[in-house]
Amino acid sequence: MDLTLDTFLSRFQLLRPEPSRNALNQRQAAVLVPIVRRPQPGLLLTQRSARLRKHAGQVAFPGGAVDATDASLIAAALREAEEEVAIPPASVEVIGILPPVDSVTGFQVTPVVGIIPPDLHYHASEDEVAAVFEMPLAEALNLGRYHPLDIHRRGDAHRVWLSWYQHYFVWGMTAGIIRQLAIQLGVNPDRRLE
């Protein structure tokens, strides 16, 4: 089935979960999950700069730690998206949030889902972002593209998800957030949206 923007929006609105409080970390961060407004919508992603101290070269959503000046988690996600890829906050139509997840760096990260116009001119911050790319949302939400890997860190078992898109390796928290969005929308693991 083709995934139109209207289908995505209606399913997201109808199936919106109550935010869970399973995340344990105390430091707050937020990321923007930018859905590009097209008849067949896209998902905007970044590849972090190889020069960064943490998560260098990884595919990610624009986002970061909440600053004292941020009025909310949504404000933090919008500020970071503007700093990293020049998405003007006023151009984002925020439609909701997903449950927060814990990062390995000690943050509780809240994904903020927003719709952005298709004609934005991205300007990646050279200090933080190596590339900006768009993945078809229907392809991103195909649960069959994600493969589990169980790892052990500090005596605890963790499952991470792995996927490729073109030459980009999508894994970890980013893949987990995309999977959570697909699950929230009621995607069947064996098929695309029904």
N, C-alpha and C. Protein backbone atom coordinates (compact mmCIF):
# COMPACT_ATOMS: atom_id res chain seq x y z
N MET A 1 0.84 -1.19 0.00
CA MET A 1 0.00 0.00 0.00
C MET A 1 0.88 1.24 0.00
N ASP A 2 0.52 2.22 -0.79
CA ASP A 2 1.24 3.48 -0.78
C ASP A 2 0.89 4.25 0.49
N LEU A 3 1.88 4.86 1.06
CA LEU A 3 1.66 5.64 2.27
C LEU A 3 1.59 7.11 1.89
N THR A 4 0.38 7.67 1.97
CA THR A 4 0.22 9.08 1.69
C THR A 4 0.38 9.86 3.00
N LEU A 5 0.57 11.15 2.88
CA LEU A 5 0.68 11.99 4.06
C LEU A 5 -0.62 11.95 4.86
N ASP A 6 -1.77 11.96 4.18
CA ASP A 6 -3.05 11.91 4.88
C ASP A 6 -3.19 10.61 5.68
N THR A 7 -2.78 9.48 5.08
CA THR A 7 -2.83 8.20 5.77
C THR A 7 -1.94 8.23 7.01
N PHE A 8 -0.72 8.73 6.84
CA PHE A 8 0.20 8.82 7.97
C PHE A 8 -0.40 9.66 9.09
N LEU A 9 -0.90 10.86 8.74
CA LEU A 9 -1.44 11.76 9.76
C LEU A 9 -2.64 11.16 10.48
N SER A 10 -3.55 10.54 9.75
CA SER A 10 -4.73 9.99 10.41
C SER A 10 -4.35 8.82 11.31
N ARG A 11 -3.43 7.97 10.88
CA ARG A 11 -3.01 6.84 11.72
C ARG A 11 -2.25 7.34 12.94
N PHE A 12 -1.40 8.35 12.76
CA PHE A 12 -0.63 8.87 13.89
C PHE A 12 -1.57 9.48 14.92
N GLN A 13 -2.55 10.24 14.47
CA GLN A 13 -3.49 10.89 15.38
C GLN A 13 -4.37 9.86 16.09
N LEU A 14 -4.84 8.85 15.35
CA LEU A 14 -5.75 7.87 15.93
C LEU A 14 -5.05 6.91 16.90
N LEU A 15 -3.81 6.59 16.63
CA LEU A 15 -3.12 5.57 17.40
C LEU A 15 -2.08 6.15 18.35
N ARG A 16 -2.20 7.41 18.66
CA ARG A 16 -1.22 8.06 19.52
C ARG A 16 -1.20 7.40 20.90
N PRO A 17 -0.05 6.88 21.33
CA PRO A 17 0.00 6.22 22.63
C PRO A 17 0.18 7.23 23.76
N GLU A 18 -0.13 6.78 24.95
CA GLU A 18 0.20 7.58 26.11
C GLU A 18 1.71 7.52 26.28
N PRO A 19 2.38 8.65 26.46
CA PRO A 19 3.82 8.59 26.67
C PRO A 19 4.14 7.74 27.91
N SER A 20 5.07 6.81 27.73
CA SER A 20 5.46 5.95 28.85
C SER A 20 6.57 6.62 29.64
N ARG A 21 6.76 6.15 30.82
CA ARG A 21 7.83 6.66 31.67
C ARG A 21 8.81 5.54 31.99
N ASN A 22 9.08 4.69 30.98
CA ASN A 22 10.02 3.59 31.18
C ASN A 22 11.46 4.06 31.15
N ALA A 23 11.70 5.23 30.58
CA ALA A 23 13.06 5.75 30.51
C ALA A 23 13.54 6.08 31.93
N LEU A 24 14.79 5.76 32.20
CA LEU A 24 15.34 5.93 33.55
C LEU A 24 16.27 7.13 33.68
N ASN A 25 16.89 7.52 32.57
CA ASN A 25 17.86 8.62 32.63
C ASN A 25 17.16 9.93 33.01
N GLN A 26 17.90 10.80 33.70
CA GLN A 26 17.33 12.05 34.19
C GLN A 26 17.62 13.24 33.27
N ARG A 27 18.81 13.26 32.64
CA ARG A 27 19.13 14.39 31.76
C ARG A 27 18.25 14.34 30.53
N GLN A 28 17.66 15.49 30.17
CA GLN A 28 16.67 15.55 29.10
C GLN A 28 17.29 15.97 27.77
N ALA A 29 16.83 15.33 26.70
CA ALA A 29 17.20 15.70 25.34
C ALA A 29 15.96 15.46 24.47
N ALA A 30 15.98 16.04 23.28
CA ALA A 30 14.86 15.87 22.34
C ALA A 30 15.40 15.86 20.92
N VAL A 31 14.74 15.09 20.07
CA VAL A 31 15.08 15.06 18.65
C VAL A 31 13.83 15.36 17.85
N LEU A 32 14.02 15.96 16.68
CA LEU A 32 12.92 16.18 15.76
C LEU A 32 12.89 15.02 14.77
N VAL A 33 11.73 14.41 14.61
CA VAL A 33 11.51 13.37 13.60
C VAL A 33 10.78 14.08 12.46
N PRO A 34 11.55 14.62 11.48
CA PRO A 34 10.93 15.46 10.44
C PRO A 34 10.35 14.64 9.29
N ILE A 35 9.05 14.77 9.11
CA ILE A 35 8.34 14.12 8.01
C ILE A 35 8.15 15.19 6.93
N VAL A 36 8.69 14.91 5.73
CA VAL A 36 8.63 15.88 4.64
C VAL A 36 7.27 15.79 3.96
N ARG A 37 6.59 16.94 3.89
CA ARG A 37 5.23 17.03 3.33
C ARG A 37 5.30 16.83 1.82
N ARG A 38 4.99 15.62 1.39
CA ARG A 38 4.90 15.26 -0.03
C ARG A 38 3.71 14.30 -0.17
N PRO A 39 3.19 14.12 -1.38
CA PRO A 39 2.15 13.10 -1.55
C PRO A 39 2.61 11.74 -1.03
N GLN A 40 3.84 11.38 -1.31
CA GLN A 40 4.49 10.20 -0.72
C GLN A 40 5.57 10.76 0.21
N PRO A 41 5.26 10.90 1.51
CA PRO A 41 6.16 11.64 2.41
C PRO A 41 7.53 10.99 2.58
N GLY A 42 8.47 11.84 3.00
CA GLY A 42 9.82 11.39 3.27
C GLY A 42 10.15 11.57 4.74
N LEU A 43 11.23 10.94 5.16
CA LEU A 43 11.74 11.07 6.52
C LEU A 43 13.13 11.68 6.40
N LEU A 44 13.32 12.85 7.02
CA LEU A 44 14.60 13.54 6.93
C LEU A 44 15.53 13.03 8.02
N LEU A 45 16.75 12.67 7.62
CA LEU A 45 17.76 12.18 8.55
C LEU A 45 19.07 12.90 8.30
N THR A 46 19.95 12.84 9.28
CA THR A 46 21.28 13.42 9.13
C THR A 46 22.33 12.35 9.39
N GLN A 47 23.50 12.59 8.87
CA GLN A 47 24.67 11.79 9.28
C GLN A 47 25.58 12.72 10.05
N ARG A 48 25.89 12.32 11.27
CA ARG A 48 26.70 13.16 12.15
C ARG A 48 28.12 13.27 11.63
N SER A 49 28.75 14.38 11.93
CA SER A 49 30.12 14.62 11.51
C SER A 49 31.06 13.58 12.11
N ALA A 50 32.06 13.19 11.35
CA ALA A 50 33.07 12.24 11.83
C ALA A 50 33.96 12.89 12.89
N ARG A 51 33.91 14.22 13.01
CA ARG A 51 34.76 14.93 13.99
C ARG A 51 34.15 15.00 15.38
N LEU A 52 32.90 14.57 15.52
CA LEU A 52 32.25 14.67 16.83
C LEU A 52 32.82 13.65 17.81
N ARG A 53 32.82 14.02 19.08
CA ARG A 53 33.37 13.15 20.13
C ARG A 53 32.46 11.95 20.39
N LYS A 54 31.13 12.15 20.33
CA LYS A 54 30.18 11.06 20.58
C LYS A 54 29.33 10.80 19.35
N HIS A 55 29.14 9.54 19.05
CA HIS A 55 28.28 9.09 17.94
C HIS A 55 28.75 9.63 16.58
N ALA A 56 30.05 9.77 16.42
CA ALA A 56 30.61 10.30 15.16
C ALA A 56 30.20 9.42 13.99
N GLY A 57 29.75 10.07 12.91
CA GLY A 57 29.40 9.38 11.67
C GLY A 57 28.07 8.64 11.68
N GLN A 58 27.37 8.63 12.79
CA GLN A 58 26.11 7.88 12.86
C GLN A 58 24.95 8.65 12.22
N VAL A 59 24.00 7.89 11.71
CA VAL A 59 22.76 8.47 11.19
C VAL A 59 21.89 8.84 12.40
N ALA A 60 21.31 10.03 12.35
CA ALA A 60 20.55 10.52 13.50
C ALA A 60 19.44 11.46 13.05
N PHE A 61 18.58 11.77 13.99
CA PHE A 61 17.63 12.85 13.81
C PHE A 61 18.27 14.11 14.37
N PRO A 62 17.92 15.30 13.85
CA PRO A 62 18.44 16.51 14.47
C PRO A 62 17.93 16.62 15.90
N GLY A 63 18.82 16.94 16.81
CA GLY A 63 18.40 17.07 18.20
C GLY A 63 19.57 17.14 19.14
N GLY A 64 19.27 17.26 20.42
CA GLY A 64 20.31 17.33 21.43
C GLY A 64 19.74 17.65 22.80
N ALA A 65 20.64 17.99 23.69
CA ALA A 65 20.28 18.24 25.09
C ALA A 65 19.39 19.47 25.23
N VAL A 66 18.51 19.41 26.20
CA VAL A 66 17.66 20.55 26.53
C VAL A 66 18.51 21.60 27.24
N ASP A 67 18.43 22.84 26.78
CA ASP A 67 19.13 23.96 27.40
C ASP A 67 18.22 24.64 28.41
N ALA A 68 18.82 25.40 29.32
CA ALA A 68 18.04 26.14 30.32
C ALA A 68 17.11 27.16 29.65
N THR A 69 17.46 27.61 28.44
CA THR A 69 16.64 28.60 27.75
C THR A 69 15.46 27.98 26.99
N ASP A 70 15.42 26.65 26.86
CA ASP A 70 14.33 25.99 26.14
C ASP A 70 13.08 25.96 27.01
N ALA A 71 11.97 26.38 26.44
CA ALA A 71 10.70 26.40 27.19
C ALA A 71 10.11 25.01 27.36
N SER A 72 10.51 24.06 26.50
CA SER A 72 9.94 22.72 26.54
C SER A 72 10.83 21.76 25.75
N LEU A 73 10.47 20.48 25.80
CA LEU A 73 11.17 19.49 24.99
C LEU A 73 10.97 19.78 23.50
N ILE A 74 9.76 20.21 23.14
CA ILE A 74 9.48 20.55 21.74
C ILE A 74 10.36 21.72 21.31
N ALA A 75 10.48 22.73 22.16
CA ALA A 75 11.33 23.89 21.84
C ALA A 75 12.78 23.46 21.66
N ALA A 76 13.24 22.52 22.47
CA ALA A 76 14.62 22.04 22.35
C ALA A 76 14.83 21.33 21.02
N ALA A 77 13.89 20.47 20.63
CA ALA A 77 14.01 19.75 19.35
C ALA A 77 14.02 20.73 18.18
N LEU A 78 13.16 21.75 18.23
CA LEU A 78 13.09 22.73 17.15
C LEU A 78 14.35 23.58 17.09
N ARG A 79 14.87 23.97 18.25
CA ARG A 79 16.11 24.76 18.30
C ARG A 79 17.27 23.96 17.70
N GLU A 80 17.39 22.71 18.12
CA GLU A 80 18.48 21.87 17.62
C GLU A 80 18.37 21.64 16.11
N ALA A 81 17.14 21.44 15.61
CA ALA A 81 16.96 21.24 14.17
C ALA A 81 17.37 22.48 13.39
N GLU A 82 17.10 23.65 13.97
CA GLU A 82 17.52 24.89 13.31
C GLU A 82 19.04 25.02 13.34
N GLU A 83 19.65 24.71 14.47
CA GLU A 83 21.11 24.81 14.59
C GLU A 83 21.83 23.81 13.69
N GLU A 84 21.31 22.60 13.59
CA GLU A 84 22.01 21.54 12.86
C GLU A 84 21.78 21.57 11.36
N VAL A 85 20.54 21.84 10.93
CA VAL A 85 20.25 21.77 9.49
C VAL A 85 19.43 22.94 8.96
N ALA A 86 19.30 24.00 9.76
CA ALA A 86 18.63 25.24 9.34
C ALA A 86 17.15 25.05 9.01
N ILE A 87 16.46 24.20 9.79
CA ILE A 87 15.01 24.10 9.65
C ILE A 87 14.40 25.18 10.54
N PRO A 88 13.73 26.18 9.96
CA PRO A 88 13.14 27.23 10.79
C PRO A 88 12.04 26.65 11.69
N PRO A 89 12.07 26.92 12.98
CA PRO A 89 11.04 26.38 13.87
C PRO A 89 9.62 26.69 13.42
N ALA A 90 9.40 27.87 12.85
CA ALA A 90 8.05 28.25 12.42
C ALA A 90 7.56 27.40 11.25
N SER A 91 8.47 26.71 10.55
CA SER A 91 8.06 25.90 9.40
C SER A 91 7.69 24.47 9.80
N VAL A 92 7.83 24.13 11.09
CA VAL A 92 7.54 22.78 11.55
C VAL A 92 6.13 22.73 12.15
N GLU A 93 5.31 21.83 11.64
CA GLU A 93 3.99 21.58 12.22
C GLU A 93 4.13 20.38 13.15
N VAL A 94 4.26 20.63 14.44
CA VAL A 94 4.43 19.55 15.41
C VAL A 94 3.10 18.81 15.55
N ILE A 95 3.15 17.48 15.37
CA ILE A 95 1.91 16.70 15.46
C ILE A 95 1.88 15.80 16.70
N GLY A 96 2.99 15.69 17.42
CA GLY A 96 2.98 14.89 18.63
C GLY A 96 4.36 14.43 19.02
N ILE A 97 4.41 13.65 20.09
CA ILE A 97 5.66 13.09 20.56
C ILE A 97 5.52 11.59 20.71
N LEU A 98 6.67 10.92 20.70
CA LEU A 98 6.73 9.49 20.98
C LEU A 98 7.25 9.31 22.40
N PRO A 99 7.07 8.13 22.98
CA PRO A 99 7.59 7.91 24.33
C PRO A 99 9.10 8.11 24.37
N PRO A 100 9.63 8.67 25.47
CA PRO A 100 11.07 8.90 25.58
C PRO A 100 11.84 7.58 25.67
N VAL A 101 13.08 7.64 25.20
CA VAL A 101 13.97 6.48 25.25
C VAL A 101 15.28 6.90 25.91
N ASP A 102 15.95 5.95 26.52
CA ASP A 102 17.24 6.22 27.15
C ASP A 102 18.36 6.07 26.13
N SER A 103 19.30 7.00 26.16
CA SER A 103 20.49 6.90 25.31
C SER A 103 21.63 6.29 26.13
N VAL A 104 22.61 5.74 25.43
CA VAL A 104 23.77 5.17 26.13
C VAL A 104 24.63 6.26 26.75
N THR A 105 24.41 7.52 26.35
CA THR A 105 25.18 8.63 26.91
C THR A 105 24.51 9.26 28.13
N GLY A 106 23.42 8.64 28.62
CA GLY A 106 22.82 9.09 29.86
C GLY A 106 21.68 10.09 29.72
N PHE A 107 21.11 10.21 28.53
CA PHE A 107 20.00 11.14 28.32
C PHE A 107 18.69 10.39 28.17
N GLN A 108 17.60 11.02 28.59
CA GLN A 108 16.26 10.59 28.27
C GLN A 108 15.86 11.42 27.05
N VAL A 109 15.70 10.75 25.91
CA VAL A 109 15.49 11.44 24.63
C VAL A 109 14.02 11.33 24.22
N THR A 110 13.39 12.48 24.00
CA THR A 110 11.99 12.53 23.57
C THR A 110 11.93 12.84 22.07
N PRO A 111 11.38 11.92 21.26
CA PRO A 111 11.21 12.19 19.83
C PRO A 111 9.97 13.06 19.59
N VAL A 112 10.16 14.17 18.89
CA VAL A 112 9.09 15.10 18.55
C VAL A 112 8.81 14.94 17.06
N VAL A 113 7.60 14.55 16.71
CA VAL A 113 7.25 14.30 15.31
C VAL A 113 6.67 15.58 14.72
N GLY A 114 7.22 16.00 13.59
CA GLY A 114 6.75 17.22 12.95
C GLY A 114 6.75 17.10 11.44
N ILE A 115 5.87 17.84 10.82
CA ILE A 115 5.77 17.88 9.36
C ILE A 115 6.51 19.13 8.89
N ILE A 116 7.38 18.96 7.88
CA ILE A 116 8.13 20.10 7.33
C ILE A 116 7.82 20.25 5.84
N PRO A 117 7.94 21.47 5.31
CA PRO A 117 7.67 21.70 3.88
C PRO A 117 8.71 20.99 3.00
N PRO A 118 8.33 20.66 1.76
CA PRO A 118 9.25 19.96 0.88
C PRO A 118 10.32 20.85 0.25
N ASP A 119 10.15 22.16 0.34
CA ASP A 119 11.04 23.06 -0.38
C ASP A 119 12.06 23.76 0.52
N LEU A 120 12.32 23.22 1.71
CA LEU A 120 13.32 23.84 2.59
C LEU A 120 14.72 23.66 2.01
N HIS A 121 15.55 24.66 2.22
CA HIS A 121 16.95 24.57 1.79
C HIS A 121 17.78 24.28 3.03
N TYR A 122 18.19 23.03 3.16
CA TYR A 122 18.94 22.63 4.35
C TYR A 122 20.35 23.18 4.26
N HIS A 123 20.84 23.63 5.37
CA HIS A 123 22.23 24.09 5.47
C HIS A 123 22.82 23.41 6.69
N ALA A 124 23.56 22.33 6.45
CA ALA A 124 24.09 21.53 7.55
C ALA A 124 25.19 22.29 8.28
N SER A 125 25.14 22.25 9.59
CA SER A 125 26.21 22.80 10.42
C SER A 125 27.45 21.94 10.22
N GLU A 126 28.51 22.52 9.70
CA GLU A 126 29.71 21.74 9.39
C GLU A 126 30.31 21.10 10.63
N ASP A 127 30.13 21.71 11.79
CA ASP A 127 30.68 21.16 13.03
C ASP A 127 29.94 19.89 13.47
N GLU A 128 28.66 19.76 13.10
CA GLU A 128 27.86 18.67 13.64
C GLU A 128 27.35 17.68 12.60
N VAL A 129 27.14 18.12 11.36
CA VAL A 129 26.44 17.29 10.37
C VAL A 129 27.27 17.13 9.11
N ALA A 130 27.48 15.86 8.71
CA ALA A 130 28.23 15.58 7.49
C ALA A 130 27.31 15.50 6.27
N ALA A 131 26.06 15.05 6.46
CA ALA A 131 25.13 14.90 5.34
C ALA A 131 23.69 14.99 5.84
N VAL A 132 22.81 15.44 4.95
CA VAL A 132 21.37 15.47 5.19
C VAL A 132 20.74 14.68 4.04
N PHE A 133 19.87 13.72 4.37
CA PHE A 133 19.24 12.94 3.31
C PHE A 133 17.81 12.60 3.68
N GLU A 134 17.06 12.23 2.65
CA GLU A 134 15.64 11.91 2.83
C GLU A 134 15.40 10.46 2.41
N MET A 135 14.69 9.75 3.27
CA MET A 135 14.33 8.36 3.01
C MET A 135 12.82 8.30 2.82
N PRO A 136 12.30 7.58 1.83
CA PRO A 136 10.85 7.48 1.70
C PRO A 136 10.25 6.94 3.00
N LEU A 137 9.23 7.60 3.52
CA LEU A 137 8.66 7.21 4.80
C LEU A 137 8.11 5.79 4.76
N ALA A 138 7.47 5.40 3.65
CA ALA A 138 6.94 4.05 3.55
C ALA A 138 8.06 3.02 3.68
N GLU A 139 9.21 3.31 3.12
CA GLU A 139 10.35 2.40 3.24
C GLU A 139 10.90 2.40 4.66
N ALA A 140 10.99 3.58 5.27
CA ALA A 140 11.50 3.68 6.64
C ALA A 140 10.62 2.89 7.61
N LEU A 141 9.31 2.88 7.38
CA LEU A 141 8.37 2.25 8.31
C LEU A 141 8.16 0.76 8.03
N ASN A 142 8.89 0.20 7.09
CA ASN A 142 8.82 -1.23 6.80
C ASN A 142 9.61 -1.98 7.87
N LEU A 143 8.91 -2.61 8.81
CA LEU A 143 9.58 -3.28 9.93
C LEU A 143 10.52 -4.38 9.48
N GLY A 144 10.26 -4.98 8.32
CA GLY A 144 11.11 -6.05 7.81
C GLY A 144 12.53 -5.62 7.48
N ARG A 145 12.77 -4.32 7.39
CA ARG A 145 14.11 -3.85 7.04
C ARG A 145 15.03 -3.76 8.26
N TYR A 146 14.49 -3.92 9.47
CA TYR A 146 15.28 -3.78 10.70
C TYR A 146 15.63 -5.15 11.26
N HIS A 147 16.90 -5.33 11.60
CA HIS A 147 17.39 -6.60 12.09
C HIS A 147 17.92 -6.42 13.51
N PRO A 148 17.55 -7.34 14.42
CA PRO A 148 17.97 -7.19 15.81
C PRO A 148 19.42 -7.63 16.04
N LEU A 149 20.05 -6.99 16.99
CA LEU A 149 21.36 -7.40 17.47
C LEU A 149 21.34 -7.23 18.98
N ASP A 150 21.59 -8.33 19.69
CA ASP A 150 21.61 -8.28 21.15
C ASP A 150 23.05 -8.05 21.60
N ILE A 151 23.24 -7.00 22.40
CA ILE A 151 24.57 -6.67 22.90
C ILE A 151 24.52 -6.63 24.43
N HIS A 152 25.69 -6.74 25.03
CA HIS A 152 25.80 -6.66 26.49
C HIS A 152 26.68 -5.47 26.83
N ARG A 153 26.15 -4.62 27.70
CA ARG A 153 26.89 -3.42 28.12
C ARG A 153 26.70 -3.27 29.62
N ARG A 154 27.82 -3.18 30.32
CA ARG A 154 27.80 -3.02 31.78
C ARG A 154 26.94 -4.08 32.47
N GLY A 155 27.02 -5.31 31.97
CA GLY A 155 26.30 -6.41 32.59
C GLY A 155 24.84 -6.53 32.20
N ASP A 156 24.33 -5.61 31.38
CA ASP A 156 22.93 -5.65 30.96
C ASP A 156 22.83 -6.00 29.48
N ALA A 157 21.81 -6.76 29.14
CA ALA A 157 21.54 -7.11 27.74
C ALA A 157 20.67 -6.01 27.12
N HIS A 158 21.02 -5.60 25.91
CA HIS A 158 20.26 -4.59 25.18
C HIS A 158 20.05 -5.08 23.75
N ARG A 159 18.89 -4.81 23.21
CA ARG A 159 18.64 -5.11 21.80
C ARG A 159 18.73 -3.81 21.03
N VAL A 160 19.53 -3.82 19.98
CA VAL A 160 19.60 -2.67 19.07
C VAL A 160 19.13 -3.16 17.70
N TRP A 161 18.70 -2.20 16.88
CA TRP A 161 18.17 -2.53 15.56
C TRP A 161 19.08 -1.95 14.50
N LEU A 162 19.26 -2.72 13.42
CA LEU A 162 20.18 -2.36 12.35
C LEU A 162 19.46 -2.34 11.01
N SER A 163 19.84 -1.41 10.14
CA SER A 163 19.26 -1.32 8.80
C SER A 163 20.21 -0.53 7.91
N TRP A 164 20.06 -0.70 6.63
CA TRP A 164 20.79 0.09 5.64
C TRP A 164 19.79 0.84 4.78
N TYR A 165 20.15 2.05 4.39
CA TYR A 165 19.42 2.77 3.36
C TYR A 165 20.45 3.41 2.45
N GLN A 166 20.46 3.00 1.18
CA GLN A 166 21.50 3.40 0.24
C GLN A 166 22.84 3.09 0.89
N HIS A 167 23.71 4.06 1.06
CA HIS A 167 25.01 3.77 1.70
C HIS A 167 25.03 4.18 3.17
N TYR A 168 23.87 4.47 3.74
CA TYR A 168 23.78 4.89 5.14
C TYR A 168 23.40 3.71 6.04
N PHE A 169 24.13 3.54 7.12
CA PHE A 169 23.87 2.52 8.12
C PHE A 169 23.02 3.15 9.22
N VAL A 170 21.78 2.70 9.34
CA VAL A 170 20.84 3.25 10.32
C VAL A 170 20.71 2.22 11.44
N TRP A 171 21.06 2.63 12.65
CA TRP A 171 21.01 1.67 13.76
C TRP A 171 20.85 2.39 15.09
N GLY A 172 20.81 1.60 16.15
CA GLY A 172 20.76 2.16 17.50
C GLY A 172 19.47 2.91 17.78
N MET A 173 19.62 4.04 18.47
CA MET A 173 18.46 4.81 18.88
C MET A 173 17.63 5.29 17.69
N THR A 174 18.29 5.72 16.62
CA THR A 174 17.56 6.22 15.45
C THR A 174 16.69 5.13 14.86
N ALA A 175 17.25 3.94 14.64
CA ALA A 175 16.46 2.82 14.12
C ALA A 175 15.35 2.45 15.09
N GLY A 176 15.64 2.50 16.39
CA GLY A 176 14.64 2.18 17.39
C GLY A 176 13.47 3.15 17.38
N ILE A 177 13.76 4.44 17.19
CA ILE A 177 12.70 5.44 17.13
C ILE A 177 11.83 5.22 15.89
N ILE A 178 12.47 4.93 14.75
CA ILE A 178 11.69 4.69 13.53
C ILE A 178 10.82 3.45 13.70
N ARG A 179 11.38 2.39 14.27
CA ARG A 179 10.59 1.17 14.53
C ARG A 179 9.42 1.47 15.46
N GLN A 180 9.66 2.26 16.51
CA GLN A 180 8.58 2.59 17.44
C GLN A 180 7.46 3.35 16.73
N LEU A 181 7.84 4.26 15.83
CA LEU A 181 6.84 4.98 15.04
C LEU A 181 6.04 4.01 14.18
N ALA A 182 6.72 3.06 13.54
CA ALA A 182 6.03 2.07 12.70
C ALA A 182 5.08 1.23 13.54
N ILE A 183 5.53 0.80 14.70
CA ILE A 183 4.68 -0.01 15.58
C ILE A 183 3.48 0.80 16.04
N GLN A 184 3.70 2.06 16.38
CA GLN A 184 2.60 2.93 16.80
C GLN A 184 1.56 3.05 15.70
N LEU A 185 2.00 3.09 14.45
CA LEU A 185 1.08 3.23 13.32
C LEU A 185 0.39 1.92 12.95
N GLY A 186 0.74 0.85 13.64
CA GLY A 186 0.09 -0.43 13.39
C GLY A 186 0.66 -1.18 12.21
N VAL A 187 1.94 -1.00 11.93
CA VAL A 187 2.57 -1.70 10.81
C VAL A 187 2.72 -3.17 11.16
N ASN A 188 2.33 -4.04 10.25
CA ASN A 188 2.51 -5.46 10.39
C ASN A 188 3.97 -5.79 10.07
N PRO A 189 4.67 -6.58 10.92
CA PRO A 189 6.08 -6.86 10.67
C PRO A 189 6.35 -7.54 9.32
N ASP A 190 5.38 -8.26 8.78
CA ASP A 190 5.59 -8.97 7.54
C ASP A 190 5.21 -8.15 6.31
N ARG A 191 4.59 -7.00 6.54
CA ARG A 191 4.14 -6.18 5.42
C ARG A 191 4.35 -4.71 5.75
N ARG A 192 4.04 -3.90 4.77
CA ARG A 192 4.03 -2.45 5.01
C ARG A 192 2.71 -2.09 5.69
N LEU A 193 2.39 -0.83 5.76
CA LEU A 193 1.12 -0.42 6.36
C LEU A 193 -0.05 -1.14 5.71
N GLU A 194 -0.98 -1.58 6.55
CA GLU A 194 -2.16 -2.27 6.02
C GLU A 194 -3.32 -1.33 5.91
